[in-house]
PDB file of N, CA and C in Angstrom:
ATOM      1  N   MET A   1      99.177 -25.093  10.103  1.00  0.00           N
ATOM      2  CA  MET A   1      99.127 -24.745  11.884  1.00  0.00           C
ATOM      3  C   MET A   1     100.347 -24.006  11.702  1.00  0.00           C
ATOM      4  N   THR A   2     101.321 -24.116  11.437  1.00  0.00           N
ATOM      5  CA  THR A   2     102.660 -23.282  12.093  1.00  0.00           C
ATOM      6  C   THR A   2     102.513 -21.930  11.342  1.00  0.00           C
ATOM      7  N   VAL A   3     101.992 -21.254  10.384  1.00  0.00           N
ATOM      8  CA  VAL A   3     101.541 -20.040   9.874  1.00  0.00           C
ATOM      9  C   VAL A   3     100.748 -19.337  11.070  1.00  0.00           C
ATOM     10  N   THR A   4      99.526 -20.113  10.887  1.00  0.00           N
ATOM     11  CA  THR A   4      98.844 -19.456  12.224  1.00  0.00           C
ATOM     12  C   THR A   4      99.046 -19.338  13.593  1.00  0.00           C
ATOM     13  N   PHE A   5     100.355 -20.473  13.807  1.00  0.00           N
ATOM     14  CA  PHE A   5     100.552 -20.367  15.388  1.00  0.00           C
ATOM     15  C   PHE A   5     101.739 -19.239  15.615  1.00  0.00           C
ATOM     16  N   ARG A   6     102.123 -18.712  14.352  1.00  0.00           N
ATOM     17  CA  ARG A   6     103.235 -18.138  14.744  1.00  0.00           C
ATOM     18  C   ARG A   6     102.722 -16.476  14.703  1.00  0.00           C
ATOM     19  N   THR A   7     101.716 -16.527  13.559  1.00  0.00           N
ATOM     20  CA  THR A   7     101.010 -15.230  13.608  1.00  0.00           C
ATOM     21  C   THR A   7      99.953 -14.621  14.692  1.00  0.00           C
ATOM     22  N   LYS A   8      99.540 -15.927  15.135  1.00  0.00           N
ATOM     23  CA  LYS A   8      98.594 -15.594  16.644  1.00  0.00           C
ATOM     24  C   LYS A   8      99.273 -15.165  17.708  1.00  0.00           C
ATOM     25  N   LEU A   9     100.627 -16.148  17.643  1.00  0.00           N
ATOM     26  CA  LEU A   9     101.153 -15.946  18.934  1.00  0.00           C
ATOM     27  C   LEU A   9     101.546 -14.451  19.191  1.00  0.00           C
ATOM     28  N   GLN A  10     101.998 -13.974  17.890  1.00  0.00           N
ATOM     29  CA  GLN A  10     102.666 -12.797  18.222  1.00  0.00           C
ATOM     30  C   GLN A  10     101.739 -11.477  18.502  1.00  0.00           C
ATOM     31  N   SER A  11     100.102 -12.040  18.365  1.00  0.00           N
ATOM     32  CA  SER A  11      98.993 -10.943  18.649  1.00  0.00           C
ATOM     33  C   SER A  11      98.233 -11.716  19.742  1.00  0.00           C
ATOM     34  N   LEU A  12      99.114 -12.617  20.406  1.00  0.00           N
ATOM     35  CA  LEU A  12      98.321 -13.293  21.443  1.00  0.00           C
ATOM     36  C   LEU A  12      97.672 -12.218  22.530  1.00  0.00           C
ATOM     37  N   ASP A  13      98.160 -11.305  22.718  1.00  0.00           N
ATOM     38  CA  ASP A  13      97.621 -10.106  23.809  1.00  0.00           C
ATOM     39  C   ASP A  13      96.409  -9.501  23.386  1.00  0.00           C
ATOM     40  N   LEU A  14      96.255  -9.438  22.242  1.00  0.00           N
ATOM     41  CA  LEU A  14      94.444  -9.253  21.205  1.00  0.00           C
ATOM     42  C   LEU A  14      93.502  -9.863  21.895  1.00  0.00           C
ATOM     43  N   LEU A  15      93.698 -11.292  22.332  1.00  0.00           N
ATOM     44  CA  LEU A  15      93.111 -12.370  22.655  1.00  0.00           C
ATOM     45  C   LEU A  15      92.798 -12.132  24.158  1.00  0.00           C
ATOM     46  N   THR A  16      91.546 -12.477  24.713  1.00  0.00           N
ATOM     47  CA  THR A  16      90.902 -12.453  25.998  1.00  0.00           C
ATOM     48  C   THR A  16      91.970 -13.555  26.441  1.00  0.00           C
ATOM     49  N   ARG A  17      91.789 -13.617  28.037  1.00  0.00           N
ATOM     50  CA  ARG A  17      92.428 -14.918  28.902  1.00  0.00           C
ATOM     51  C   ARG A  17      91.475 -15.962  28.088  1.00  0.00           C
ATOM     52  N   GLU A  18      90.412 -15.952  28.160  1.00  0.00           N
ATOM     53  CA  GLU A  18      89.622 -17.476  27.992  1.00  0.00           C
ATOM     54  C   GLU A  18      90.070 -17.584  26.542  1.00  0.00           C
ATOM     55  N   GLU A  19      90.269 -17.037  25.396  1.00  0.00           N
ATOM     56  CA  GLU A  19      90.296 -16.901  24.217  1.00  0.00           C
ATOM     57  C   GLU A  19      92.165 -17.824  24.306  1.00  0.00           C
ATOM     58  N   ARG A  20      92.892 -16.896  24.508  1.00  0.00           N
ATOM     59  CA  ARG A  20      94.025 -17.539  24.632  1.00  0.00           C
ATOM     60  C   ARG A  20      94.133 -19.270  25.405  1.00  0.00           C
ATOM     61  N   ILE A  21      93.450 -19.590  26.284  1.00  0.00           N
ATOM     62  CA  ILE A  21      93.528 -20.497  26.808  1.00  0.00           C
ATOM     63  C   ILE A  21      92.593 -21.868  25.738  1.00  0.00           C
ATOM     64  N   GLU A  22      91.772 -21.062  25.054  1.00  0.00           N
ATOM     65  CA  GLU A  22      90.928 -22.155  24.142  1.00  0.00           C
ATOM     66  C   GLU A  22      91.758 -22.218  22.735  1.00  0.00           C
ATOM     67  N   TRP A  23      92.523 -21.334  22.538  1.00  0.00           N
ATOM     68  CA  TRP A  23      93.537 -21.414  21.492  1.00  0.00           C
ATOM     69  C   TRP A  23      94.751 -22.416  21.811  1.00  0.00           C
ATOM     70  N   ILE A  24      94.847 -22.349  22.861  1.00  0.00           N
ATOM     71  CA  ILE A  24      96.327 -23.410  23.065  1.00  0.00           C
ATOM     72  C   ILE A  24      95.669 -24.558  23.395  1.00  0.00           C
ATOM     73  N   ALA A  25      94.357 -24.771  24.115  1.00  0.00           N
ATOM     74  CA  ALA A  25      93.842 -26.109  23.936  1.00  0.00           C
ATOM     75  C   ALA A  25      93.584 -26.941  22.486  1.00  0.00           C
ATOM     76  N   GLU A  26      93.233 -25.956  21.797  1.00  0.00           N
ATOM     77  CA  GLU A  26      92.803 -26.515  20.297  1.00  0.00           C
ATOM     78  C   GLU A  26      94.143 -27.034  19.718  1.00  0.00           C
ATOM     79  N   LEU A  27      95.340 -26.147  19.777  1.00  0.00           N
ATOM     80  CA  LEU A  27      96.550 -26.300  19.298  1.00  0.00           C
ATOM     81  C   LEU A  27      97.260 -27.922  19.530  1.00  0.00           C
ATOM     82  N   LYS A  28      97.006 -27.965  21.177  1.00  0.00           N
ATOM     83  CA  LYS A  28      97.216 -29.239  21.938  1.00  0.00           C
ATOM     84  C   LYS A  28      96.806 -30.341  21.225  1.00  0.00           C
ATOM     85  N   LEU A  29      95.820 -30.266  21.024  1.00  0.00           N
ATOM     86  CA  LEU A  29      94.476 -31.403  20.311  1.00  0.00           C
ATOM     87  C   LEU A  29      95.127 -31.357  19.038  1.00  0.00           C
ATOM     88  N   GLN A  30      95.314 -30.522  17.989  1.00  0.00           N
ATOM     89  CA  GLN A  30      95.708 -30.628  16.540  1.00  0.00           C
ATOM     90  C   GLN A  30      97.160 -31.573  16.990  1.00  0.00           C
ATOM     91  N   LEU A  31      97.889 -31.095  17.873  1.00  0.00           N
ATOM     92  CA  LEU A  31      99.453 -31.883  18.368  1.00  0.00           C
ATOM     93  C   LEU A  31      99.091 -33.302  18.246  1.00  0.00           C
ATOM     94  N   LEU A  32      97.850 -33.772  19.184  1.00  0.00           N
ATOM     95  CA  LEU A  32      97.375 -34.965  19.465  1.00  0.00           C
ATOM     96  C   LEU A  32      97.160 -35.883  18.349  1.00  0.00           C
ATOM     97  N   ASN A  33      96.313 -35.076  17.598  1.00  0.00           N
ATOM     98  CA  ASN A  33      95.835 -35.705  16.133  1.00  0.00           C
ATOM     99  C   ASN A  33      97.454 -35.831  15.299  1.00  0.00           C
ATOM    100  N   LYS A  34      98.024 -35.188  15.608  1.00  0.00           N
ATOM    101  CA  LYS A  34      99.599 -35.634  14.639  1.00  0.00           C
ATOM    102  C   LYS A  34     100.017 -36.446  15.025  1.00  0.00           C
ATOM    103  N   ILE A  35     100.013 -36.473  16.494  1.00  0.00           N
ATOM    104  CA  ILE A  35     101.223 -37.714  17.185  1.00  0.00           C
ATOM    105  C   ILE A  35     100.356 -39.183  16.652  1.00  0.00           C
ATOM    106  N   GLU A  36      98.988 -39.260  16.342  1.00  0.00           N
ATOM    107  CA  GLU A  36      98.341 -40.525  16.054  1.00  0.00           C
ATOM    108  C   GLU A  36      98.530 -40.434  14.445  1.00  0.00           C
ATOM    109  N   GLN A  37      98.527 -39.516  13.781  1.00  0.00           N
ATOM    110  CA  GLN A  37      99.284 -39.320  12.138  1.00  0.00           C
ATOM    111  C   GLN A  37     100.458 -40.146  12.164  1.00  0.00           C
ATOM    112  N   VAL A  38     101.429 -39.198  12.904  1.00  0.00           N
ATOM    113  CA  VAL A  38     102.972 -39.858  12.864  1.00  0.00           C
ATOM    114  C   VAL A  38     102.791 -41.323  13.048  1.00  0.00           C
ATOM    115  N   GLU A  39     102.445 -41.773  13.997  1.00  0.00           N
ATOM    116  CA  GLU A  39     102.117 -43.186  14.754  1.00  0.00           C
ATOM    117  C   GLU A  39     101.498 -44.074  13.603  1.00  0.00           C
ATOM    118  N   GLN A  40     100.682 -44.042  12.743  1.00  0.00           N
ATOM    119  CA  GLN A  40      99.922 -44.594  11.826  1.00  0.00           C
ATOM    120  C   GLN A  40     100.825 -44.570  10.597  1.00  0.00           C
ATOM    121  N   TYR A  41     101.435 -43.463   9.850  1.00  0.00           N
ATOM    122  CA  TYR A  41     102.161 -43.394   9.297  1.00  0.00           C
ATOM    123  C   TYR A  41     103.339 -44.443   9.309  1.00  0.00           C
ATOM    124  N   GLY A  42     103.908 -44.372  10.571  1.00  0.00           N
ATOM    125  CA  GLY A  42     105.239 -45.149  10.768  1.00  0.00           C
ATOM    126  C   GLY A  42     104.757 -47.123  11.170  1.00  0.00           C
ATOM    127  N   SER A  43     103.644 -46.753  10.712  1.00  0.00           N
ATOM    128  CA  SER A  43     103.315 -48.363  10.978  1.00  0.00           C
ATOM    129  C   SER A  43     102.988 -48.614   9.375  1.00  0.00           C
ATOM    130  N   GLU A  44     102.680 -48.114   8.808  1.00  0.00           N
ATOM    131  CA  GLU A  44     102.202 -48.339   7.225  1.00  0.00           C
ATOM    132  C   GLU A  44     103.504 -48.246   6.394  1.00  0.00           C
ATOM    133  N   VAL A  45     104.489 -47.842   6.534  1.00  0.00           N
ATOM    134  CA  VAL A  45     105.501 -47.480   5.778  1.00  0.00           C
ATOM    135  C   VAL A  45     106.619 -48.229   5.911  1.00  0.00           C
ATOM    136  N   SER A  46     107.693 -48.349   5.023  1.00  0.00           N
ATOM    137  CA  SER A  46     109.306 -48.810   5.374  1.00  0.00           C
ATOM    138  C   SER A  46     110.037 -47.836   4.595  1.00  0.00           C
ATOM    139  N   VAL A  47     110.809 -46.920   5.279  1.00  0.00           N
ATOM    140  CA  VAL A  47     111.927 -46.192   4.874  1.00  0.00           C
ATOM    141  C   VAL A  47     113.471 -46.408   5.547  1.00  0.00           C
ATOM    142  N   PRO A  48     113.973 -45.743   4.743  1.00  0.00           N
ATOM    143  CA  PRO A  48     115.256 -45.938   5.472  1.00  0.00           C
ATOM    144  C   PRO A  48     115.556 -45.462   6.490  1.00  0.00           C
ATOM    145  N   TYR A  49     116.163 -45.597   7.697  1.00  0.00           N
ATOM    146  CA  TYR A  49     116.066 -44.957   8.855  1.00  0.00           C
ATOM    147  C   TYR A  49     114.628 -44.783   9.602  1.00  0.00           C
ATOM    148  N   GLN A  50     114.122 -45.276   9.395  1.00  0.00           N
ATOM    149  CA  GLN A  50     112.483 -45.070   9.619  1.00  0.00           C
ATOM    150  C   GLN A  50     112.377 -44.849  11.108  1.00  0.00           C
ATOM    151  N   ASP A  51     113.102 -45.951  11.964  1.00  0.00           N
ATOM    152  CA  ASP A  51     113.259 -45.498  13.557  1.00  0.00           C
ATOM    153  C   ASP A  51     113.510 -43.914  13.744  1.00  0.00           C
ATOM    154  N   LEU A  52     114.786 -43.366  13.103  1.00  0.00           N
ATOM    155  CA  LEU A  52     115.186 -42.330  13.404  1.00  0.00           C
ATOM    156  C   LEU A  52     113.981 -40.896  12.847  1.00  0.00           C
ATOM    157  N   VAL A  53     113.610 -41.066  11.576  1.00  0.00           N
ATOM    158  CA  VAL A  53     112.908 -40.199  11.307  1.00  0.00           C
ATOM    159  C   VAL A  53     111.479 -40.318  12.128  1.00  0.00           C
ATOM    160  N   HIS A  54     111.077 -41.525  12.444  1.00  0.00           N
ATOM    161  CA  HIS A  54     110.049 -41.552  13.660  1.00  0.00           C
ATOM    162  C   HIS A  54     110.294 -40.511  14.971  1.00  0.00           C
ATOM    163  N   GLU A  55     111.649 -40.815  15.223  1.00  0.00           N
ATOM    164  CA  GLU A  55     112.068 -40.121  16.734  1.00  0.00           C
ATOM    165  C   GLU A  55     111.947 -38.579  16.561  1.00  0.00           C
ATOM    166  N   ASN A  56     112.529 -38.520  15.424  1.00  0.00           N
ATOM    167  CA  ASN A  56     112.377 -36.875  15.227  1.00  0.00           C
ATOM    168  C   ASN A  56     111.434 -36.336  15.175  1.00  0.00           C
ATOM    169  N   ALA A  57     110.376 -36.909  14.679  1.00  0.00           N
ATOM    170  CA  ALA A  57     108.950 -36.233  14.339  1.00  0.00           C
ATOM    171  C   ALA A  57     108.202 -36.390  15.785  1.00  0.00           C
ATOM    172  N   MET A  58     108.407 -37.229  16.643  1.00  0.00           N
ATOM    173  CA  MET A  58     107.576 -37.478  17.829  1.00  0.00           C
ATOM    174  C   MET A  58     108.266 -36.386  18.882  1.00  0.00           C
ATOM    175  N   ARG A  59     110.000 -36.581  18.681  1.00  0.00           N
ATOM    176  CA  ARG A  59     110.397 -35.250  19.625  1.00  0.00           C
ATOM    177  C   ARG A  59     110.073 -33.854  19.198  1.00  0.00           C
ATOM    178  N   SER A  60     110.057 -33.531  18.107  1.00  0.00           N
ATOM    179  CA  SER A  60     109.387 -32.395  17.537  1.00  0.00           C
ATOM    180  C   SER A  60     108.109 -32.090  17.962  1.00  0.00           C
ATOM    181  N   ILE A  61     106.997 -32.917  18.048  1.00  0.00           N
ATOM    182  CA  ILE A  61     105.884 -32.719  18.482  1.00  0.00           C
ATOM    183  C   ILE A  61     105.810 -32.700  19.921  1.00  0.00           C
ATOM    184  N   ARG A  62     106.305 -33.423  20.676  1.00  0.00           N
ATOM    185  CA  ARG A  62     106.586 -33.339  21.772  1.00  0.00           C
ATOM    186  C   ARG A  62     107.140 -32.107  22.835  1.00  0.00           C
ATOM    187  N   SER A  63     108.116 -31.638  22.051  1.00  0.00           N
ATOM    188  CA  SER A  63     108.820 -30.289  22.168  1.00  0.00           C
ATOM    189  C   SER A  63     107.541 -29.111  22.516  1.00  0.00           C
ATOM    190  N   ARG A  64     106.824 -29.258  21.221  1.00  0.00           N
ATOM    191  CA  ARG A  64     105.973 -28.554  20.769  1.00  0.00           C
ATOM    192  C   ARG A  64     104.807 -28.511  21.991  1.00  0.00           C
ATOM    193  N   MET A  65     104.525 -29.403  22.267  1.00  0.00           N
ATOM    194  CA  MET A  65     103.699 -29.705  23.515  1.00  0.00           C
ATOM    195  C   MET A  65     103.916 -29.262  24.919  1.00  0.00           C
ATOM    196  N   ASP A  66     105.184 -29.771  25.085  1.00  0.00           N
ATOM    197  CA  ASP A  66     105.632 -28.967  26.170  1.00  0.00           C
ATOM    198  C   ASP A  66     106.073 -27.421  26.615  1.00  0.00           C
ATOM    199  N   TRP A  67     106.246 -26.645  25.288  1.00  0.00           N
ATOM    200  CA  TRP A  67     106.145 -25.705  25.434  1.00  0.00           C
ATOM    201  C   TRP A  67     105.044 -24.874  25.345  1.00  0.00           C
ATOM    202  N   LEU A  68     103.958 -25.334  24.879  1.00  0.00           N
ATOM    203  CA  LEU A  68     102.352 -25.025  24.967  1.00  0.00           C
ATOM    204  C   LEU A  68     102.063 -25.201  26.354  1.00  0.00           C
ATOM    205  N   ASP A  69     102.572 -26.241  27.262  1.00  0.00           N
ATOM    206  CA  ASP A  69     102.380 -26.144  28.479  1.00  0.00           C
ATOM    207  C   ASP A  69     102.693 -24.954  29.633  1.00  0.00           C
ATOM    208  N   LEU A  70     104.261 -24.851  29.114  1.00  0.00           N
ATOM    209  CA  LEU A  70     104.732 -23.729  29.611  1.00  0.00           C
ATOM    210  C   LEU A  70     103.714 -22.417  29.304  1.00  0.00           C
ATOM    211  N   LEU A  71     103.434 -22.038  28.044  1.00  0.00           N
ATOM    212  CA  LEU A  71     102.464 -21.056  27.908  1.00  0.00           C
ATOM    213  C   LEU A  71     101.082 -20.725  28.382  1.00  0.00           C
ATOM    214  N   LEU A  72     100.390 -22.216  28.578  1.00  0.00           N
ATOM    215  CA  LEU A  72      99.136 -22.530  29.222  1.00  0.00           C
ATOM    216  C   LEU A  72      99.384 -22.169  30.702  1.00  0.00           C
ATOM    217  N   ASN A  73     100.418 -22.445  31.290  1.00  0.00           N
ATOM    218  CA  ASN A  73     100.644 -21.907  32.496  1.00  0.00           C
ATOM    219  C   ASN A  73     100.891 -20.872  32.778  1.00  0.00           C
ATOM    220  N   ARG A  74     101.221 -19.856  32.072  1.00  0.00           N
ATOM    221  CA  ARG A  74     101.724 -18.560  32.074  1.00  0.00           C
ATOM    222  C   ARG A  74     100.450 -17.689  32.062  1.00  0.00           C
ATOM    223  N   VAL A  75      99.359 -18.387  30.889  1.00  0.00           N
ATOM    224  CA  VAL A  75      98.106 -17.870  30.660  1.00  0.00           C
ATOM    225  C   VAL A  75      97.408 -17.631  31.669  1.00  0.00           C
ATOM    226  N   VAL A  76      97.439 -18.827  32.355  1.00  0.00           N
ATOM    227  CA  VAL A  76      96.135 -19.621  33.533  1.00  0.00           C
ATOM    228  C   VAL A  76      96.552 -18.450  34.545  1.00  0.00           C
ATOM    229  N   ARG A  77      98.006 -17.993  34.815  1.00  0.00           N
ATOM    230  CA  ARG A  77      98.498 -17.388  36.013  1.00  0.00           C
ATOM    231  C   ARG A  77      97.612 -16.080  35.977  1.00  0.00           C
ATOM    232  N   GLU A  78      98.140 -15.390  34.490  1.00  0.00           N
ATOM    233  CA  GLU A  78      98.105 -14.086  34.539  1.00  0.00           C
ATOM    234  C   GLU A  78      96.696 -13.523  34.719  1.00  0.00           C
ATOM    235  N   LYS A  79      96.790 -12.512  34.906  1.00  0.00           N
ATOM    236  CA  LYS A  79      95.079 -11.497  35.269  1.00  0.00           C
ATOM    237  C   LYS A  79      94.689 -10.945  33.954  1.00  0.00           C
ATOM    238  N   ASP A  80      93.666 -10.979  33.629  1.00  0.00           N
ATOM    239  CA  ASP A  80      92.980 -10.212  32.433  1.00  0.00           C
ATOM    240  C   ASP A  80      93.625  -8.788  32.533  1.00  0.00           C
TER     241      ASP A  80
END
Protein backbone atom coordinates (compact mmCIF):
# COMPACT_ATOMS: atom_id res chain seq x y z
CA MET A 1 0.00 0.00 0.00
CA THR A 2 2.76 2.47 0.89
CA VAL A 3 4.55 2.45 -2.46
CA THR A 4 1.29 2.71 -4.37
CA PHE A 5 0.11 5.39 -1.97
CA ARG A 6 3.18 7.58 -2.40
CA THR A 7 3.45 7.07 -6.13
CA LYS A 8 -0.20 7.72 -6.85
CA LEU A 9 -0.35 10.70 -4.50
CA GLN A 10 2.39 12.40 -6.50
CA SER A 11 0.27 11.93 -9.62
CA LEU A 12 -3.13 12.54 -8.05
CA ASP A 13 -3.83 15.43 -10.38
CA LEU A 14 -3.84 12.99 -13.32
CA LEU A 15 -6.99 11.35 -11.95
CA THR A 16 -10.46 12.77 -12.33
CA ARG A 17 -12.16 14.08 -9.22
CA GLU A 18 -14.28 10.93 -9.03
CA GLU A 19 -11.22 8.69 -9.40
CA ARG A 20 -9.48 10.60 -6.61
CA ILE A 21 -12.47 10.13 -4.33
CA GLU A 22 -12.62 6.41 -5.18
CA TRP A 23 -8.91 6.02 -4.54
CA ILE A 24 -9.12 7.73 -1.15
CA ALA A 25 -12.16 5.64 -0.20
CA GLU A 26 -10.29 2.46 -1.14
CA LEU A 27 -7.30 3.47 0.98
CA LYS A 28 -9.59 4.17 3.92
CA LEU A 29 -11.13 0.69 3.54
CA GLN A 30 -7.65 -0.84 3.47
CA LEU A 31 -6.77 1.00 6.66
CA LEU A 32 -9.98 -0.19 8.34
CA ASN A 33 -8.97 -3.74 7.41
CA LYS A 34 -5.52 -3.06 8.86
CA ILE A 35 -7.12 -1.97 12.14
CA GLU A 36 -8.94 -5.31 12.28
CA GLN A 37 -5.68 -7.16 11.61
CA VAL A 38 -3.85 -5.24 14.33
CA GLU A 39 -6.66 -5.93 16.80
CA GLN A 40 -6.68 -9.63 15.94
CA TYR A 41 -2.90 -9.89 16.15
CA GLY A 42 -2.93 -8.16 19.52
CA SER A 43 -5.40 -10.67 20.91
CA GLU A 44 -3.45 -13.69 19.62
CA VAL A 45 0.11 -12.93 20.69
CA SER A 46 2.00 -11.92 23.76
CA VAL A 47 5.15 -9.87 23.23
CA PRO A 48 7.15 -7.50 25.43
CA TYR A 49 5.55 -4.07 25.65
CA GLN A 50 2.57 -5.36 23.72
CA ASP A 51 0.35 -2.50 24.85
CA LEU A 52 2.83 0.08 23.55
CA VAL A 53 3.42 -1.78 20.29
CA HIS A 54 -0.33 -1.96 19.78
CA GLU A 55 -0.80 1.70 20.64
CA ASN A 56 1.92 2.72 18.18
CA ALA A 57 0.34 0.72 15.37
CA MET A 58 -3.13 2.11 16.07
CA ARG A 59 -1.91 5.70 16.30
CA SER A 60 -0.09 5.35 12.98
CA ILE A 61 -3.20 4.01 11.28
CA ARG A 62 -5.45 6.67 12.84
CA SER A 63 -3.02 9.38 11.79
CA ARG A 64 -3.12 8.19 8.19
CA MET A 65 -6.93 7.98 8.34
CA ASP A 66 -7.10 11.56 9.63
CA TRP A 67 -4.80 12.71 6.87
CA LEU A 68 -6.92 10.93 4.25
CA ASP A 69 -9.97 12.73 5.65
CA LEU A 70 -8.19 16.05 5.06
CA LEU A 71 -7.30 15.01 1.54
CA LEU A 72 -10.84 13.81 0.83
CA ASN A 73 -12.26 17.07 2.12
CA ARG A 74 -10.00 19.04 -0.22
CA VAL A 75 -10.75 16.84 -3.23
CA VAL A 76 -14.50 17.05 -2.65
CA ARG A 77 -14.32 20.86 -2.52
CA GLU A 78 -12.19 21.11 -5.69
CA LYS A 79 -13.69 21.72 -9.08
CA ASP A 80 -12.62 19.51 -11.98
